[in-house]
PDB file of N, CA and C in Angstrom:
ATOM      1  N   MET A   1     129.504  50.627 -22.024  1.00  0.00           N
ATOM      2  CA  MET A   1     128.134  50.684 -21.548  1.00  0.00           C
ATOM      3  C   MET A   1     128.012  51.601 -20.323  1.00  0.00           C
ATOM      4  N   LYS A   2     129.045  51.550 -19.458  1.00  0.00           N
ATOM      5  CA  LYS A   2     129.014  52.360 -18.248  1.00  0.00           C
ATOM      6  C   LYS A   2     129.044  53.853 -18.580  1.00  0.00           C
ATOM      7  N   SER A   3     129.888  54.226 -19.545  1.00  0.00           N
ATOM      8  CA  SER A   3     129.975  55.642 -19.914  1.00  0.00           C
ATOM      9  C   SER A   3     128.705  56.107 -20.621  1.00  0.00           C
ATOM     10  N   ARG A   4     128.060  55.217 -21.341  1.00  0.00           N
ATOM     11  CA  ARG A   4     126.801  55.575 -22.004  1.00  0.00           C
ATOM     12  C   ARG A   4     125.719  55.859 -20.969  1.00  0.00           C
ATOM     13  N   LYS A   5     125.662  55.053 -19.925  1.00  0.00           N
ATOM     14  CA  LYS A   5     124.682  55.259 -18.855  1.00  0.00           C
ATOM     15  C   LYS A   5     124.962  56.580 -18.134  1.00  0.00           C
ATOM     16  N   ALA A   6     126.230  56.871 -17.887  1.00  0.00           N
ATOM     17  CA  ALA A   6     126.601  58.132 -17.242  1.00  0.00           C
ATOM     18  C   ALA A   6     126.225  59.318 -18.118  1.00  0.00           C
ATOM     19  N   LEU A   7     126.403  59.189 -19.418  1.00  0.00           N
ATOM     20  CA  LEU A   7     126.041  60.258 -20.345  1.00  0.00           C
ATOM     21  C   LEU A   7     124.535  60.498 -20.342  1.00  0.00           C
ATOM     22  N   ILE A   8     123.761  59.432 -20.294  1.00  0.00           N
ATOM     23  CA  ILE A   8     122.300  59.571 -20.252  1.00  0.00           C
ATOM     24  C   ILE A   8     121.872  60.274 -18.970  1.00  0.00           C
ATOM     25  N   VAL A   9     122.475  59.906 -17.843  1.00  0.00           N
ATOM     26  CA  VAL A   9     122.159  60.561 -16.569  1.00  0.00           C
ATOM     27  C   VAL A   9     122.517  62.041 -16.644  1.00  0.00           C
ATOM     28  N   LEU A  10     123.678  62.359 -17.200  1.00  0.00           N
ATOM     29  CA  LEU A  10     124.101  63.753 -17.345  1.00  0.00           C
ATOM     30  C   LEU A  10     123.134  64.539 -18.222  1.00  0.00           C
ATOM     31  N   MET A  11     122.708  63.957 -19.321  1.00  0.00           N
ATOM     32  CA  MET A  11     121.777  64.636 -20.222  1.00  0.00           C
ATOM     33  C   MET A  11     120.430  64.881 -19.549  1.00  0.00           C
ATOM     34  N   GLU A  12     119.972  63.952 -18.739  1.00  0.00           N
ATOM     35  CA  GLU A  12     118.709  64.138 -18.026  1.00  0.00           C
ATOM     36  C   GLU A  12     118.829  65.251 -16.990  1.00  0.00           C
ATOM     37  N   ARG A  13     119.959  65.331 -16.327  1.00  0.00           N
ATOM     38  CA  ARG A  13     120.160  66.374 -15.317  1.00  0.00           C
ATOM     39  C   ARG A  13     120.213  67.764 -15.938  1.00  0.00           C
ATOM     40  N   THR A  14     120.752  67.874 -17.134  1.00  0.00           N
ATOM     41  CA  THR A  14     120.875  69.189 -17.760  1.00  0.00           C
ATOM     42  C   THR A  14     119.553  69.693 -18.330  1.00  0.00           C
ATOM     43  N   LYS A  15     118.559  68.850 -18.409  1.00  0.00           N
ATOM     44  CA  LYS A  15     117.245  69.289 -18.897  1.00  0.00           C
ATOM     45  C   LYS A  15     116.566  70.207 -17.894  1.00  0.00           C
ATOM     46  N   ARG A  16     116.820  69.958 -16.608  1.00  0.00           N
ATOM     47  CA  ARG A  16     116.212  70.774 -15.562  1.00  0.00           C
ATOM     48  C   ARG A  16     117.094  71.982 -15.279  1.00  0.00           C
ATOM     49  N   PRO A  17     116.491  73.162 -15.127  1.00  0.00           N
ATOM     50  CA  PRO A  17     117.311  74.338 -14.830  1.00  0.00           C
ATOM     51  C   PRO A  17     117.904  74.247 -13.426  1.00  0.00           C
ATOM     52  N   MET A  18     119.142  74.707 -13.293  1.00  0.00           N
ATOM     53  CA  MET A  18     119.786  74.707 -11.992  1.00  0.00           C
ATOM     54  C   MET A  18     119.380  75.966 -11.250  1.00  0.00           C
ATOM     55  N   ILE A  19     118.836  75.797 -10.057  1.00  0.00           N
ATOM     56  CA  ILE A  19     118.393  76.934  -9.255  1.00  0.00           C
ATOM     57  C   ILE A  19     119.037  76.822  -7.881  1.00  0.00           C
ATOM     58  N   VAL A  20     119.699  77.894  -7.464  1.00  0.00           N
ATOM     59  CA  VAL A  20     120.315  77.957  -6.146  1.00  0.00           C
ATOM     60  C   VAL A  20     119.492  78.930  -5.316  1.00  0.00           C
ATOM     61  N   THR A  21     119.104  78.527  -4.125  1.00  0.00           N
ATOM     62  CA  THR A  21     118.337  79.400  -3.246  1.00  0.00           C
ATOM     63  C   THR A  21     119.299  80.125  -2.316  1.00  0.00           C
ATOM     64  N   ALA A  22     119.188  81.444  -2.275  1.00  0.00           N
ATOM     65  CA  ALA A  22     120.067  82.263  -1.438  1.00  0.00           C
ATOM     66  C   ALA A  22     119.338  82.632  -0.154  1.00  0.00           C
ATOM     67  N   GLY A  23     119.640  81.920   0.915  1.00  0.00           N
ATOM     68  CA  GLY A  23     119.069  82.232   2.220  1.00  0.00           C
ATOM     69  C   GLY A  23     117.560  82.147   2.287  1.00  0.00           C
ATOM     70  N   LYS A  24     116.960  81.305   1.504  1.00  0.00           N
ATOM     71  CA  LYS A  24     115.502  81.136   1.437  1.00  0.00           C
ATOM     72  C   LYS A  24     114.790  82.439   1.095  1.00  0.00           C
ATOM     73  N   ILE A  25     115.524  83.382   0.510  1.00  0.00           N
ATOM     74  CA  ILE A  25     114.943  84.679   0.158  1.00  0.00           C
ATOM     75  C   ILE A  25     114.685  84.768  -1.334  1.00  0.00           C
ATOM     76  N   MET A  26     115.687  84.417  -2.125  1.00  0.00           N
ATOM     77  CA  MET A  26     115.523  84.518  -3.571  1.00  0.00           C
ATOM     78  C   MET A  26     116.178  83.330  -4.251  1.00  0.00           C
ATOM     79  N   GLN A  27     115.672  83.017  -5.423  1.00  0.00           N
ATOM     80  CA  GLN A  27     116.235  81.933  -6.206  1.00  0.00           C
ATOM     81  C   GLN A  27     117.197  82.517  -7.227  1.00  0.00           C
ATOM     82  N   LEU A  28     118.380  81.938  -7.286  1.00  0.00           N
ATOM     83  CA  LEU A  28     119.401  82.417  -8.206  1.00  0.00           C
ATOM     84  C   LEU A  28     119.460  81.480  -9.401  1.00  0.00           C
ATOM     85  N   THR A  29     118.922  81.961 -10.514  1.00  0.00           N
ATOM     86  CA  THR A  29     118.990  81.205 -11.760  1.00  0.00           C
ATOM     87  C   THR A  29     120.098  81.818 -12.610  1.00  0.00           C
ATOM     88  N   LEU A  30     120.358  81.228 -13.743  1.00  0.00           N
ATOM     89  CA  LEU A  30     121.391  81.780 -14.626  1.00  0.00           C
ATOM     90  C   LEU A  30     121.013  83.192 -15.069  1.00  0.00           C
ATOM     91  N   LYS A  31     119.736  83.411 -15.313  1.00  0.00           N
ATOM     92  CA  LYS A  31     119.279  84.738 -15.755  1.00  0.00           C
ATOM     93  C   LYS A  31     119.501  85.787 -14.664  1.00  0.00           C
ATOM     94  N   THR A  32     119.112  85.489 -13.419  1.00  0.00           N
ATOM     95  CA  THR A  32     119.302  86.461 -12.344  1.00  0.00           C
ATOM     96  C   THR A  32     120.783  86.649 -12.028  1.00  0.00           C
ATOM     97  N   PHE A  33     121.574  85.590 -12.164  1.00  0.00           N
ATOM     98  CA  PHE A  33     123.016  85.704 -11.949  1.00  0.00           C
ATOM     99  C   PHE A  33     123.638  86.634 -12.979  1.00  0.00           C
ATOM    100  N   MET A  34     123.271  86.463 -14.242  1.00  0.00           N
ATOM    101  CA  MET A  34     123.828  87.309 -15.295  1.00  0.00           C
ATOM    102  C   MET A  34     123.387  88.763 -15.124  1.00  0.00           C
ATOM    103  N   THR A  35     122.151  88.986 -14.716  1.00  0.00           N
ATOM    104  CA  THR A  35     121.672  90.344 -14.462  1.00  0.00           C
ATOM    105  C   THR A  35     122.479  90.987 -13.342  1.00  0.00           C
ATOM    106  N   THR A  36     122.717  90.237 -12.274  1.00  0.00           N
ATOM    107  CA  THR A  36     123.496  90.743 -11.148  1.00  0.00           C
ATOM    108  C   THR A  36     124.919  91.079 -11.572  1.00  0.00           C
ATOM    109  N   ILE A  37     125.539  90.210 -12.340  1.00  0.00           N
ATOM    110  CA  ILE A  37     126.908  90.454 -12.802  1.00  0.00           C
ATOM    111  C   ILE A  37     126.962  91.687 -13.702  1.00  0.00           C
ATOM    112  N   ASN A  38     126.010  91.823 -14.617  1.00  0.00           N
ATOM    113  CA  ASN A  38     125.991  92.987 -15.523  1.00  0.00           C
ATOM    114  C   ASN A  38     125.802  94.289 -14.760  1.00  0.00           C
ATOM    115  N   ARG A  39     124.902  94.300 -13.795  1.00  0.00           N
ATOM    116  CA  ARG A  39     124.667  95.519 -13.015  1.00  0.00           C
ATOM    117  C   ARG A  39     125.868  95.853 -12.141  1.00  0.00           C
ATOM    118  N   THR A  40     126.499  94.835 -11.588  1.00  0.00           N
ATOM    119  CA  THR A  40     127.696  95.061 -10.780  1.00  0.00           C
ATOM    120  C   THR A  40     128.810  95.656 -11.627  1.00  0.00           C
ATOM    121  N   TYR A  41     129.002  95.117 -12.817  1.00  0.00           N
ATOM    122  CA  TYR A  41     130.024  95.646 -13.723  1.00  0.00           C
ATOM    123  C   TYR A  41     129.727  97.104 -14.079  1.00  0.00           C
ATOM    124  N   SER A  42     128.464  97.405 -14.343  1.00  0.00           N
ATOM    125  CA  SER A  42     128.087  98.786 -14.673  1.00  0.00           C
ATOM    126  C   SER A  42     128.366  99.720 -13.505  1.00  0.00           C
ATOM    127  N   LEU A  43     128.049  99.289 -12.300  1.00  0.00           N
ATOM    128  CA  LEU A  43     128.288 100.109 -11.115  1.00  0.00           C
ATOM    129  C   LEU A  43     129.782 100.347 -10.913  1.00  0.00           C
ATOM    130  N   ILE A  44     130.581  99.325 -11.088  1.00  0.00           N
ATOM    131  CA  ILE A  44     132.033  99.476 -10.952  1.00  0.00           C
ATOM    132  C   ILE A  44     132.572 100.435 -12.008  1.00  0.00           C
ATOM    133  N   ALA A  45     132.056 100.345 -13.225  1.00  0.00           N
ATOM    134  CA  ALA A  45     132.500 101.247 -14.292  1.00  0.00           C
ATOM    135  C   ALA A  45     132.163 102.695 -13.954  1.00  0.00           C
ATOM    136  N   VAL A  46     130.982 102.931 -13.412  1.00  0.00           N
ATOM    137  CA  VAL A  46     130.583 104.292 -13.031  1.00  0.00           C
ATOM    138  C   VAL A  46     131.465 104.797 -11.896  1.00  0.00           C
ATOM    139  N   LEU A  47     131.707 103.958 -10.901  1.00  0.00           N
ATOM    140  CA  LEU A  47     132.539 104.370  -9.770  1.00  0.00           C
ATOM    141  C   LEU A  47     133.979 104.648 -10.199  1.00  0.00           C
ATOM    142  N   LYS A  48     134.503 103.884 -11.121  1.00  0.00           N
ATOM    143  CA  LYS A  48     135.871 104.122 -11.613  1.00  0.00           C
ATOM    144  C   LYS A  48     135.948 105.431 -12.398  1.00  0.00           C
ATOM    145  N   ASN A  49     134.847 105.821 -13.013  1.00  0.00           N
ATOM    146  CA  ASN A  49     134.800 107.074 -13.768  1.00  0.00           C
ATOM    147  C   ASN A  49     134.959 108.280 -12.851  1.00  0.00           C
ATOM    148  N   TYR A  50     134.509 108.170 -11.616  1.00  0.00           N
ATOM    149  CA  TYR A  50     134.539 109.291 -10.682  1.00  0.00           C
ATOM    150  C   TYR A  50     135.826 109.364  -9.874  1.00  0.00           C
ATOM    151  N   GLN A  51     136.785 108.488 -10.125  1.00  0.00           N
ATOM    152  CA  GLN A  51     138.049 108.531  -9.371  1.00  0.00           C
ATOM    153  C   GLN A  51     138.952 109.611  -9.877  1.00  0.00           C
TER     154      GLN A  51
END
């Protein structure tokens, strides 16, 4: 019963999107995080090309 209650709490928490605020300036969601990672990777690839 205890694990079932914990599972229900976990499922309820995952319904809401996780948002991290960076210095009260911008909200970091999974979408913005992935965009940042993709752009960073692209920039590194371009910089490595010029070495």
